């Protein structure tokens, strides 16, 4: 079951530090900044990440996501490209 929660603590700090609105964790929890909770395009983007986790498994998704960020950078990460294409969030 997927949970969407307001980001607090380390999640909020991470999001604010790096300028993101949300982060999806491999245990199918989406942490979103309070001012982005009603952003349906961002929710749709994060739900694509949930689909990816379900397709790949949490551990494989996490390792590949990190590797893709190192190899290609965030903007060219294949998981991010797929999420942007499916959600319309560019």
N, C-alpha and C. Protein backbone atom coordinates (compact mmCIF):
# COMPACT_ATOMS: atom_id res chain seq x y z
N UNK A 1 0.83 -1.18 0.00
CA UNK A 1 0.00 0.00 0.00
C UNK A 1 0.88 1.25 0.00
N UNK A 2 0.59 2.16 -0.87
CA UNK A 2 1.35 3.40 -0.98
C UNK A 2 0.81 4.44 -0.01
N UNK A 3 1.73 5.14 0.65
CA UNK A 3 1.36 6.22 1.55
C UNK A 3 1.98 7.51 1.04
N UNK A 4 1.21 8.58 1.05
CA UNK A 4 1.72 9.92 0.75
C UNK A 4 1.62 10.71 2.04
N UNK A 5 2.78 11.18 2.51
CA UNK A 5 2.83 11.88 3.79
C UNK A 5 3.58 13.20 3.64
N UNK A 6 3.32 14.10 4.58
CA UNK A 6 4.06 15.35 4.62
C UNK A 6 5.48 15.07 5.08
N UNK A 7 6.45 15.60 4.35
CA UNK A 7 7.85 15.39 4.69
C UNK A 7 8.18 16.10 6.00
N UNK A 8 8.85 15.36 6.87
CA UNK A 8 9.30 15.91 8.15
C UNK A 8 10.73 15.45 8.39
N UNK A 9 11.39 16.08 9.31
CA UNK A 9 12.73 15.66 9.73
C UNK A 9 13.71 15.61 8.58
N UNK A 10 14.43 14.49 8.49
CA UNK A 10 15.49 14.34 7.51
C UNK A 10 14.95 14.40 6.08
N UNK A 11 13.73 13.93 5.87
CA UNK A 11 13.14 14.00 4.52
C UNK A 11 12.91 15.45 4.10
N UNK A 12 12.36 16.23 5.00
CA UNK A 12 12.12 17.65 4.71
C UNK A 12 13.44 18.38 4.48
N UNK A 13 14.42 18.09 5.31
CA UNK A 13 15.74 18.72 5.16
C UNK A 13 16.34 18.36 3.80
N UNK A 14 16.28 17.09 3.42
CA UNK A 14 16.81 16.66 2.13
C UNK A 14 16.11 17.39 0.98
N UNK A 15 14.78 17.40 1.00
CA UNK A 15 14.02 18.03 -0.08
C UNK A 15 14.33 19.51 -0.21
N UNK A 16 14.37 20.20 0.92
CA UNK A 16 14.65 21.63 0.89
C UNK A 16 16.10 21.91 0.47
N UNK A 17 17.03 21.09 0.93
CA UNK A 17 18.44 21.29 0.59
C UNK A 17 18.69 21.13 -0.90
N UNK A 18 18.04 20.14 -1.50
CA UNK A 18 18.31 19.85 -2.91
C UNK A 18 17.25 20.39 -3.86
N UNK A 19 16.24 21.06 -3.33
CA UNK A 19 15.25 21.73 -4.17
C UNK A 19 14.22 20.81 -4.80
N UNK A 20 13.92 19.71 -4.16
CA UNK A 20 12.90 18.79 -4.66
C UNK A 20 11.60 19.02 -3.90
N UNK A 21 10.48 18.60 -4.51
CA UNK A 21 9.19 18.72 -3.87
C UNK A 21 8.76 17.45 -3.17
N UNK A 22 9.37 16.32 -3.59
CA UNK A 22 8.96 15.03 -3.03
C UNK A 22 10.06 14.01 -3.24
N UNK A 23 9.99 12.94 -2.46
CA UNK A 23 10.89 11.80 -2.64
C UNK A 23 10.10 10.53 -2.36
N UNK A 24 10.30 9.54 -3.21
CA UNK A 24 9.64 8.25 -3.04
C UNK A 24 10.64 7.26 -2.50
N UNK A 25 10.25 6.59 -1.43
CA UNK A 25 11.12 5.61 -0.78
C UNK A 25 10.74 4.20 -1.22
N UNK A 26 11.69 3.27 -1.20
CA UNK A 26 11.43 1.92 -1.72
C UNK A 26 10.37 1.14 -0.96
N UNK A 27 9.97 1.60 0.21
CA UNK A 27 8.90 0.92 0.95
C UNK A 27 7.55 1.56 0.62
N UNK A 28 7.50 2.22 -0.55
CA UNK A 28 6.27 2.78 -1.14
C UNK A 28 5.65 3.88 -0.30
N UNK A 29 6.51 4.73 0.24
CA UNK A 29 6.06 5.93 0.93
C UNK A 29 6.61 7.14 0.19
N UNK A 30 5.72 8.08 -0.11
CA UNK A 30 6.10 9.32 -0.77
C UNK A 30 6.08 10.42 0.28
N UNK A 31 7.20 11.09 0.45
CA UNK A 31 7.33 12.21 1.37
C UNK A 31 7.31 13.48 0.53
N UNK A 32 6.33 14.36 0.81
CA UNK A 32 6.17 15.59 0.03
C UNK A 32 6.21 16.81 0.94
N UNK A 33 6.79 17.89 0.42
CA UNK A 33 6.74 19.15 1.16
C UNK A 33 5.28 19.58 1.29
N UNK A 34 4.94 20.19 2.40
CA UNK A 34 3.55 20.53 2.69
C UNK A 34 2.92 21.39 1.61
N UNK A 35 3.69 22.30 1.02
CA UNK A 35 3.13 23.17 -0.01
C UNK A 35 2.97 22.48 -1.37
N UNK A 36 3.40 21.23 -1.48
CA UNK A 36 3.28 20.48 -2.74
C UNK A 36 2.29 19.32 -2.66
N UNK A 37 1.69 19.10 -1.49
CA UNK A 37 0.81 17.96 -1.29
C UNK A 37 -0.39 17.95 -2.25
N UNK A 38 -0.83 19.11 -2.68
CA UNK A 38 -1.98 19.19 -3.59
C UNK A 38 -1.57 19.26 -5.06
N UNK A 39 -0.28 19.15 -5.34
CA UNK A 39 0.24 19.22 -6.71
C UNK A 39 0.03 17.86 -7.39
N UNK A 40 -1.06 17.75 -8.15
CA UNK A 40 -1.44 16.46 -8.73
C UNK A 40 -0.45 15.95 -9.76
N UNK A 41 0.23 16.85 -10.47
CA UNK A 41 1.25 16.40 -11.42
C UNK A 41 2.44 15.79 -10.69
N UNK A 42 2.83 16.40 -9.58
CA UNK A 42 3.94 15.85 -8.80
C UNK A 42 3.54 14.52 -8.18
N UNK A 43 2.31 14.41 -7.69
CA UNK A 43 1.83 13.13 -7.17
C UNK A 43 1.88 12.08 -8.27
N UNK A 44 1.44 12.44 -9.48
CA UNK A 44 1.46 11.50 -10.61
C UNK A 44 2.90 11.07 -10.92
N UNK A 45 3.83 12.01 -10.86
CA UNK A 45 5.25 11.71 -11.09
C UNK A 45 5.75 10.70 -10.06
N UNK A 46 5.44 10.95 -8.80
CA UNK A 46 5.90 10.05 -7.74
C UNK A 46 5.24 8.69 -7.84
N UNK A 47 4.00 8.64 -8.32
CA UNK A 47 3.32 7.36 -8.49
C UNK A 47 3.97 6.53 -9.60
N UNK A 48 4.59 7.17 -10.58
CA UNK A 48 5.36 6.42 -11.58
C UNK A 48 6.54 5.75 -10.88
N UNK A 49 7.16 6.44 -9.94
CA UNK A 49 8.26 5.81 -9.19
C UNK A 49 7.75 4.61 -8.39
N UNK A 50 6.53 4.70 -7.86
CA UNK A 50 5.94 3.55 -7.17
C UNK A 50 5.77 2.39 -8.15
N UNK A 51 5.30 2.67 -9.35
CA UNK A 51 5.18 1.63 -10.38
C UNK A 51 6.55 1.00 -10.67
N UNK A 52 7.58 1.83 -10.74
CA UNK A 52 8.93 1.33 -11.00
C UNK A 52 9.39 0.42 -9.87
N UNK A 53 9.11 0.82 -8.63
CA UNK A 53 9.48 0.00 -7.47
C UNK A 53 8.76 -1.34 -7.53
N UNK A 54 7.48 -1.30 -7.87
CA UNK A 54 6.71 -2.54 -7.96
C UNK A 54 7.23 -3.44 -9.08
N UNK A 55 7.65 -2.83 -10.17
CA UNK A 55 8.16 -3.58 -11.32
C UNK A 55 9.53 -4.18 -11.04
N UNK A 56 10.41 -3.42 -10.40
CA UNK A 56 11.81 -3.81 -10.22
C UNK A 56 12.09 -4.45 -8.86
N UNK A 57 11.26 -4.12 -7.88
CA UNK A 57 11.56 -4.48 -6.49
C UNK A 57 12.30 -3.31 -5.84
N UNK A 58 12.08 -3.12 -4.55
CA UNK A 58 12.63 -1.97 -3.84
C UNK A 58 14.14 -1.87 -3.87
N UNK A 59 14.83 -2.99 -3.63
CA UNK A 59 16.30 -2.97 -3.59
C UNK A 59 16.88 -2.71 -4.97
N UNK A 60 16.39 -3.41 -5.97
CA UNK A 60 16.90 -3.24 -7.33
C UNK A 60 16.63 -1.81 -7.82
N UNK A 61 15.42 -1.32 -7.59
CA UNK A 61 15.10 0.06 -7.98
C UNK A 61 16.07 1.04 -7.34
N UNK A 62 16.27 0.92 -6.03
CA UNK A 62 17.14 1.85 -5.32
C UNK A 62 18.56 1.83 -5.84
N UNK A 63 19.11 0.63 -6.03
CA UNK A 63 20.49 0.52 -6.53
C UNK A 63 20.62 1.07 -7.94
N UNK A 64 19.66 0.73 -8.80
CA UNK A 64 19.71 1.23 -10.17
C UNK A 64 19.49 2.74 -10.22
N UNK A 65 18.57 3.25 -9.40
CA UNK A 65 18.30 4.68 -9.37
C UNK A 65 19.58 5.44 -8.99
N UNK A 66 20.25 4.98 -7.95
CA UNK A 66 21.50 5.64 -7.53
C UNK A 66 22.57 5.52 -8.60
N UNK A 67 22.70 4.34 -9.21
CA UNK A 67 23.69 4.15 -10.27
C UNK A 67 23.40 5.05 -11.46
N UNK A 68 22.12 5.13 -11.86
CA UNK A 68 21.75 6.00 -12.98
C UNK A 68 22.05 7.46 -12.68
N UNK A 69 21.84 7.89 -11.44
CA UNK A 69 22.17 9.27 -11.08
C UNK A 69 23.67 9.52 -11.20
N UNK A 70 24.47 8.55 -10.80
CA UNK A 70 25.93 8.69 -10.92
C UNK A 70 26.34 8.68 -12.39
N UNK A 71 25.81 7.74 -13.14
CA UNK A 71 26.22 7.55 -14.54
C UNK A 71 25.70 8.64 -15.47
N UNK A 72 24.41 9.00 -15.32
CA UNK A 72 23.77 9.91 -16.27
C UNK A 72 23.43 11.28 -15.69
N UNK A 73 23.40 11.40 -14.37
CA UNK A 73 22.91 12.62 -13.75
C UNK A 73 21.41 12.53 -13.54
N UNK A 74 20.90 13.34 -12.63
CA UNK A 74 19.48 13.29 -12.27
C UNK A 74 18.57 13.49 -13.48
N UNK A 75 18.82 14.52 -14.26
CA UNK A 75 17.91 14.86 -15.37
C UNK A 75 17.87 13.77 -16.44
N UNK A 76 18.95 13.02 -16.60
CA UNK A 76 19.01 11.97 -17.63
C UNK A 76 18.86 10.58 -17.05
N UNK A 77 18.50 10.47 -15.79
CA UNK A 77 18.25 9.19 -15.15
C UNK A 77 17.04 8.56 -15.86
N UNK A 78 17.17 7.35 -16.42
CA UNK A 78 16.05 6.73 -17.13
C UNK A 78 14.76 6.64 -16.31
N UNK A 79 14.87 6.43 -15.01
CA UNK A 79 13.67 6.40 -14.17
C UNK A 79 12.99 7.77 -14.13
N UNK A 80 13.78 8.84 -14.06
CA UNK A 80 13.22 10.19 -14.05
C UNK A 80 12.62 10.54 -15.42
N UNK A 81 13.29 10.13 -16.47
CA UNK A 81 12.75 10.38 -17.81
C UNK A 81 11.38 9.72 -17.96
N UNK A 82 11.28 8.45 -17.55
CA UNK A 82 10.01 7.75 -17.62
C UNK A 82 8.94 8.45 -16.78
N UNK A 83 9.30 8.87 -15.58
CA UNK A 83 8.34 9.53 -14.69
C UNK A 83 7.89 10.87 -15.28
N UNK A 84 8.80 11.62 -15.88
CA UNK A 84 8.42 12.89 -16.50
C UNK A 84 7.50 12.65 -17.69
N UNK A 85 7.84 11.67 -18.53
CA UNK A 85 7.02 11.41 -19.72
C UNK A 85 5.61 10.97 -19.34
N UNK A 86 5.48 10.10 -18.36
CA UNK A 86 4.16 9.57 -17.98
C UNK A 86 3.33 10.57 -17.19
N UNK A 87 3.97 11.47 -16.45
CA UNK A 87 3.23 12.39 -15.58
C UNK A 87 3.07 13.77 -16.17
N UNK A 88 3.87 14.13 -17.14
CA UNK A 88 3.84 15.47 -17.70
C UNK A 88 4.60 16.48 -16.87
N UNK A 89 5.36 16.03 -15.88
CA UNK A 89 6.16 16.93 -15.05
C UNK A 89 7.54 17.05 -15.68
N UNK A 90 7.85 18.22 -16.17
CA UNK A 90 9.17 18.45 -16.78
C UNK A 90 9.92 19.41 -15.91
